Amino acid sequence: RRSKQGITSRLKAGWREIRGSFRRIAQVFNLAAPCSIVLVGNTGVGKSTLINSLLGSNEAEVARGPLAVTKEPTQHKRTVHKVNFTLWDTPGLYDDTGNGMQYVKKMKASIVNVHLVLFCIAIPNSGRFHDQERQ
């Protein structure tokens, strides 16, 4: 039980640090205009969950099973330290055709003025990466 509490405590501290990163991002990029951050990755790696954690809400719909929920790029807006941020939740890579270039074209058609792309991956217990993640 103590171990679980320790992990929970470290996770909460980590999320606070990530949320604090919004301010640092704004400072590093000297942002006066809105900042656009796009999360990409395979289905089920936790893109929507990460967005909810960063925003401190449950507005990004999260899958409860094996089927993908996010079908189109979806924006979630917040103002942090007087900077307007847009977090983009995206469909999972390789969901439709398995063609990465078609995925990129679809994202480019929907999302413009990207400042930062976060590539989300699931870290397997073995610590090894799949070929798709290496690409």
C-alpha atoms as a PDB file:
ATOM      1  CA  ARG A   1       0.000   0.000   0.000  1.00  0.00           C
ATOM      2  CA  ARG A   2       2.818   2.391   0.816  1.00  0.00           C
ATOM      3  CA  SER A   3       4.324   1.761  -2.615  1.00  0.00           C
ATOM      4  CA  LYS A   4       1.039   2.595  -4.353  1.00  0.00           C
ATOM      5  CA  GLN A   5       0.744   5.848  -2.372  1.00  0.00           C
ATOM      6  CA  GLY A   6       4.311   6.749  -3.300  1.00  0.00           C
ATOM      7  CA  ILE A   7       3.633   6.171  -6.990  1.00  0.00           C
ATOM      8  CA  THR A   8       0.402   8.175  -6.815  1.00  0.00           C
ATOM      9  CA  SER A   9       2.221  11.026  -5.089  1.00  0.00           C
ATOM     10  CA  ARG A  10       4.988  11.050  -7.721  1.00  0.00           C
ATOM     11  CA  LEU A  11       2.439  10.975 -10.555  1.00  0.00           C
ATOM     12  CA  LYS A  12       0.545  13.927  -9.079  1.00  0.00           C
ATOM     13  CA  ALA A  13       3.802  15.870  -8.709  1.00  0.00           C
ATOM     14  CA  GLY A  14       4.678  15.028 -12.302  1.00  0.00           C
ATOM     15  CA  TRP A  15       1.338  16.313 -13.590  1.00  0.00           C
ATOM     16  CA  ARG A  16       1.769  19.565 -11.623  1.00  0.00           C
ATOM     17  CA  GLU A  17       5.168  19.978 -13.242  1.00  0.00           C
ATOM     18  CA  ILE A  18       3.739  19.341 -16.714  1.00  0.00           C
ATOM     19  CA  ARG A  19       1.000  21.911 -16.151  1.00  0.00           C
ATOM     20  CA  GLY A  20       3.660  24.363 -15.000  1.00  0.00           C
ATOM     21  CA  SER A  21       5.434  23.701 -18.277  1.00  0.00           C
ATOM     22  CA  PHE A  22       2.772  25.742 -20.085  1.00  0.00           C
ATOM     23  CA  ARG A  23       4.303  28.866 -18.585  1.00  0.00           C
ATOM     24  CA  ARG A  24       7.829  27.793 -19.536  1.00  0.00           C
ATOM     25  CA  ILE A  25       6.700  27.003 -23.092  1.00  0.00           C
ATOM     26  CA  ALA A  26       5.228  30.480 -23.383  1.00  0.00           C
ATOM     27  CA  GLN A  27       8.473  32.013 -22.114  1.00  0.00           C
ATOM     28  CA  VAL A  28      10.770  29.917 -24.326  1.00  0.00           C
ATOM     29  CA  PHE A  29       8.801  30.661 -27.470  1.00  0.00           C
ATOM     30  CA  ASN A  30       8.155  34.259 -26.333  1.00  0.00           C
ATOM     31  CA  LEU A  31       4.513  33.730 -27.153  1.00  0.00           C
ATOM     32  CA  ALA A  32       2.119  36.600 -27.400  1.00  0.00           C
ATOM     33  CA  ALA A  33      -0.075  34.797 -29.913  1.00  0.00           C
ATOM     34  CA  PRO A  34      -1.927  31.548 -29.234  1.00  0.00           C
ATOM     35  CA  CYS A  35       0.212  28.424 -28.863  1.00  0.00           C
ATOM     36  CA  SER A  36      -0.863  25.250 -30.620  1.00  0.00           C
ATOM     37  CA  ILE A  37       0.278  21.864 -29.256  1.00  0.00           C
ATOM     38  CA  VAL A  38      -0.595  18.652 -31.111  1.00  0.00           C
ATOM     39  CA  LEU A  39      -0.578  15.217 -29.508  1.00  0.00           C
ATOM     40  CA  VAL A  40      -0.052  12.304 -31.908  1.00  0.00           C
ATOM     41  CA  GLY A  41       0.493   8.586 -31.393  1.00  0.00           C
ATOM     42  CA  ASN A  42      -1.073   5.177 -31.838  1.00  0.00           C
ATOM     43  CA  THR A  43      -4.572   4.390 -30.631  1.00  0.00           C
ATOM     44  CA  GLY A  44      -4.753   3.721 -26.910  1.00  0.00           C
ATOM     45  CA  VAL A  45      -1.493   5.351 -25.799  1.00  0.00           C
ATOM     46  CA  GLY A  46      -3.301   7.953 -23.697  1.00  0.00           C
ATOM     47  CA  LYS A  47      -3.401  11.129 -25.792  1.00  0.00           C
ATOM     48  CA  SER A  48      -6.885  12.088 -24.585  1.00  0.00           C
ATOM     49  CA  THR A  49      -6.038  11.133 -21.004  1.00  0.00           C
ATOM     50  CA  LEU A  50      -2.912  13.313 -21.132  1.00  0.00           C
ATOM     51  CA  ILE A  51      -4.957  16.237 -22.431  1.00  0.00           C
ATOM     52  CA  ASN A  52      -7.438  15.814 -19.579  1.00  0.00           C
ATOM     53  CA  SER A  53      -4.580  15.716 -17.082  1.00  0.00           C
ATOM     54  CA  LEU A  54      -2.950  18.824 -18.519  1.00  0.00           C
ATOM     55  CA  LEU A  55      -6.246  20.708 -18.510  1.00  0.00           C
ATOM     56  CA  GLY A  56      -7.356  19.396 -15.139  1.00  0.00           C
ATOM     57  CA  SER A  57     -10.699  18.360 -16.616  1.00  0.00           C
ATOM     58  CA  ASN A  58     -12.466  15.487 -18.350  1.00  0.00           C
ATOM     59  CA  GLU A  59     -13.446  17.272 -21.545  1.00  0.00           C
ATOM     60  CA  ALA A  60     -11.507  15.020 -23.940  1.00  0.00           C
ATOM     61  CA  GLU A  61     -13.503  11.831 -24.381  1.00  0.00           C
ATOM     62  CA  VAL A  62     -11.489   8.797 -23.283  1.00  0.00           C
ATOM     63  CA  ALA A  63     -11.972   5.279 -24.640  1.00  0.00           C
ATOM     64  CA  ARG A  64     -13.035   2.652 -22.130  1.00  0.00           C
ATOM     65  CA  GLY A  65     -12.350  -0.265 -24.440  1.00  0.00           C
ATOM     66  CA  PRO A  66     -10.350  -1.301 -27.500  1.00  0.00           C
ATOM     67  CA  LEU A  67     -12.145   0.981 -29.972  1.00  0.00           C
ATOM     68  CA  ALA A  68     -10.833   4.464 -30.751  1.00  0.00           C
ATOM     69  CA  VAL A  69     -12.965   7.420 -29.664  1.00  0.00           C
ATOM     70  CA  THR A  70     -11.165  10.341 -31.332  1.00  0.00           C
ATOM     71  CA  LYS A  71     -12.073  10.201 -35.022  1.00  0.00           C
ATOM     72  CA  GLU A  72     -11.105  13.748 -36.068  1.00  0.00           C
ATOM     73  CA  PRO A  73      -8.602  16.281 -34.725  1.00  0.00           C
ATOM     74  CA  THR A  74     -10.269  17.976 -31.767  1.00  0.00           C
ATOM     75  CA  GLN A  75      -9.121  21.199 -30.147  1.00  0.00           C
ATOM     76  CA  HIS A  76      -9.215  22.010 -26.444  1.00  0.00           C
ATOM     77  CA  LYS A  77      -8.497  25.637 -25.540  1.00  0.00           C
ATOM     78  CA  ARG A  78      -7.191  27.196 -22.321  1.00  0.00           C
ATOM     79  CA  THR A  79      -5.602  30.458 -21.245  1.00  0.00           C
ATOM     80  CA  VAL A  80      -2.639  29.954 -18.917  1.00  0.00           C
ATOM     81  CA  HIS A  81      -0.508  32.844 -17.680  1.00  0.00           C
ATOM     82  CA  LYS A  82      -2.176  35.139 -20.211  1.00  0.00           C
ATOM     83  CA  VAL A  83      -1.232  32.874 -23.126  1.00  0.00           C
ATOM     84  CA  ASN A  84      -3.930  31.121 -25.146  1.00  0.00           C
ATOM     85  CA  PHE A  85      -3.119  27.453 -25.626  1.00  0.00           C
ATOM     86  CA  THR A  86      -4.815  24.995 -27.947  1.00  0.00           C
ATOM     87  CA  LEU A  87      -4.205  21.311 -27.310  1.00  0.00           C
ATOM     88  CA  TRP A  88      -5.099  19.136 -30.287  1.00  0.00           C
ATOM     89  CA  ASP A  89      -6.271  15.577 -29.670  1.00  0.00           C
ATOM     90  CA  THR A  90      -5.791  13.478 -32.801  1.00  0.00           C
ATOM     91  CA  PRO A  91      -6.975  10.094 -34.066  1.00  0.00           C
ATOM     92  CA  GLY A  92      -4.563   7.230 -33.501  1.00  0.00           C
ATOM     93  CA  LEU A  93      -1.823   6.655 -36.032  1.00  0.00           C
ATOM     94  CA  TYR A  94      -2.505   3.736 -38.382  1.00  0.00           C
ATOM     95  CA  ASP A  95      -6.209   3.652 -37.445  1.00  0.00           C
ATOM     96  CA  ASP A  96      -7.607   4.073 -40.957  1.00  0.00           C
ATOM     97  CA  THR A  97      -5.291   2.901 -43.677  1.00  0.00           C
ATOM     98  CA  GLY A  98      -2.022   2.198 -41.964  1.00  0.00           C
ATOM     99  CA  ASN A  99      -0.467   4.836 -44.229  1.00  0.00           C
ATOM    100  CA  GLY A 100       1.476   7.359 -42.162  1.00  0.00           C
ATOM    101  CA  MET A 101       1.670   9.923 -44.977  1.00  0.00           C
ATOM    102  CA  GLN A 102      -2.124   9.956 -45.411  1.00  0.00           C
ATOM    103  CA  TYR A 103      -2.419  10.537 -41.674  1.00  0.00           C
ATOM    104  CA  VAL A 104       0.000  13.488 -41.856  1.00  0.00           C
ATOM    105  CA  LYS A 105      -1.916  14.999 -44.794  1.00  0.00           C
ATOM    106  CA  LYS A 106      -5.187  14.699 -42.869  1.00  0.00           C
ATOM    107  CA  MET A 107      -3.658  16.411 -39.831  1.00  0.00           C
ATOM    108  CA  LYS A 108      -2.134  19.202 -41.946  1.00  0.00           C
ATOM    109  CA  ALA A 109      -5.526  19.884 -43.510  1.00  0.00           C
ATOM    110  CA  SER A 110      -7.128  20.328 -40.073  1.00  0.00           C
ATOM    111  CA  ILE A 111      -4.404  21.826 -37.892  1.00  0.00           C
ATOM    112  CA  VAL A 112      -2.399  24.952 -38.753  1.00  0.00           C
ATOM    113  CA  ASN A 113       0.229  27.046 -36.965  1.00  0.00           C
ATOM    114  CA  VAL A 114       1.635  24.222 -34.847  1.00  0.00           C
ATOM    115  CA  HIS A 115       4.214  25.249 -32.253  1.00  0.00           C
ATOM    116  CA  LEU A 116       4.859  21.873 -30.655  1.00  0.00           C
ATOM    117  CA  VAL A 117       4.124  18.236 -31.505  1.00  0.00           C
ATOM    118  CA  LEU A 118       4.135  15.689 -28.684  1.00  0.00           C
ATOM    119  CA  PHE A 119       4.544  12.142 -29.953  1.00  0.00           C
ATOM    120  CA  CYS A 120       2.929   9.842 -27.388  1.00  0.00           C
ATOM    121  CA  ILE A 121       3.946   6.210 -27.114  1.00  0.00           C
ATOM    122  CA  ALA A 122       3.093   3.393 -24.743  1.00  0.00           C
ATOM    123  CA  ILE A 123       6.167   2.054 -23.027  1.00  0.00           C
ATOM    124  CA  PRO A 124       5.824  -1.724 -22.980  1.00  0.00           C
ATOM    125  CA  ASN A 125       6.945  -3.716 -19.967  1.00  0.00           C
ATOM    126  CA  SER A 126       9.853  -5.070 -21.975  1.00  0.00           C
ATOM    127  CA  GLY A 127      11.133  -1.554 -22.699  1.00  0.00           C
ATOM    128  CA  ARG A 128      11.300  -2.381 -26.406  1.00  0.00           C
ATOM    129  CA  PHE A 129       9.714  -0.304 -29.144  1.00  0.00           C
ATOM    130  CA  HIS A 130       7.650  -1.453 -32.114  1.00  0.00           C
ATOM    131  CA  ASP A 131       8.743  -0.709 -35.678  1.00  0.00           C
ATOM    132  CA  GLN A 132       5.929   1.852 -36.057  1.00  0.00           C
ATOM    133  CA  GLU A 133       7.183   3.774 -33.004  1.00  0.00           C
ATOM    134  CA  ARG A 134      10.760   3.790 -34.331  1.00  0.00           C
ATOM    135  CA  GLN A 135       9.551   5.326 -37.607  1.00  0.00           C
END
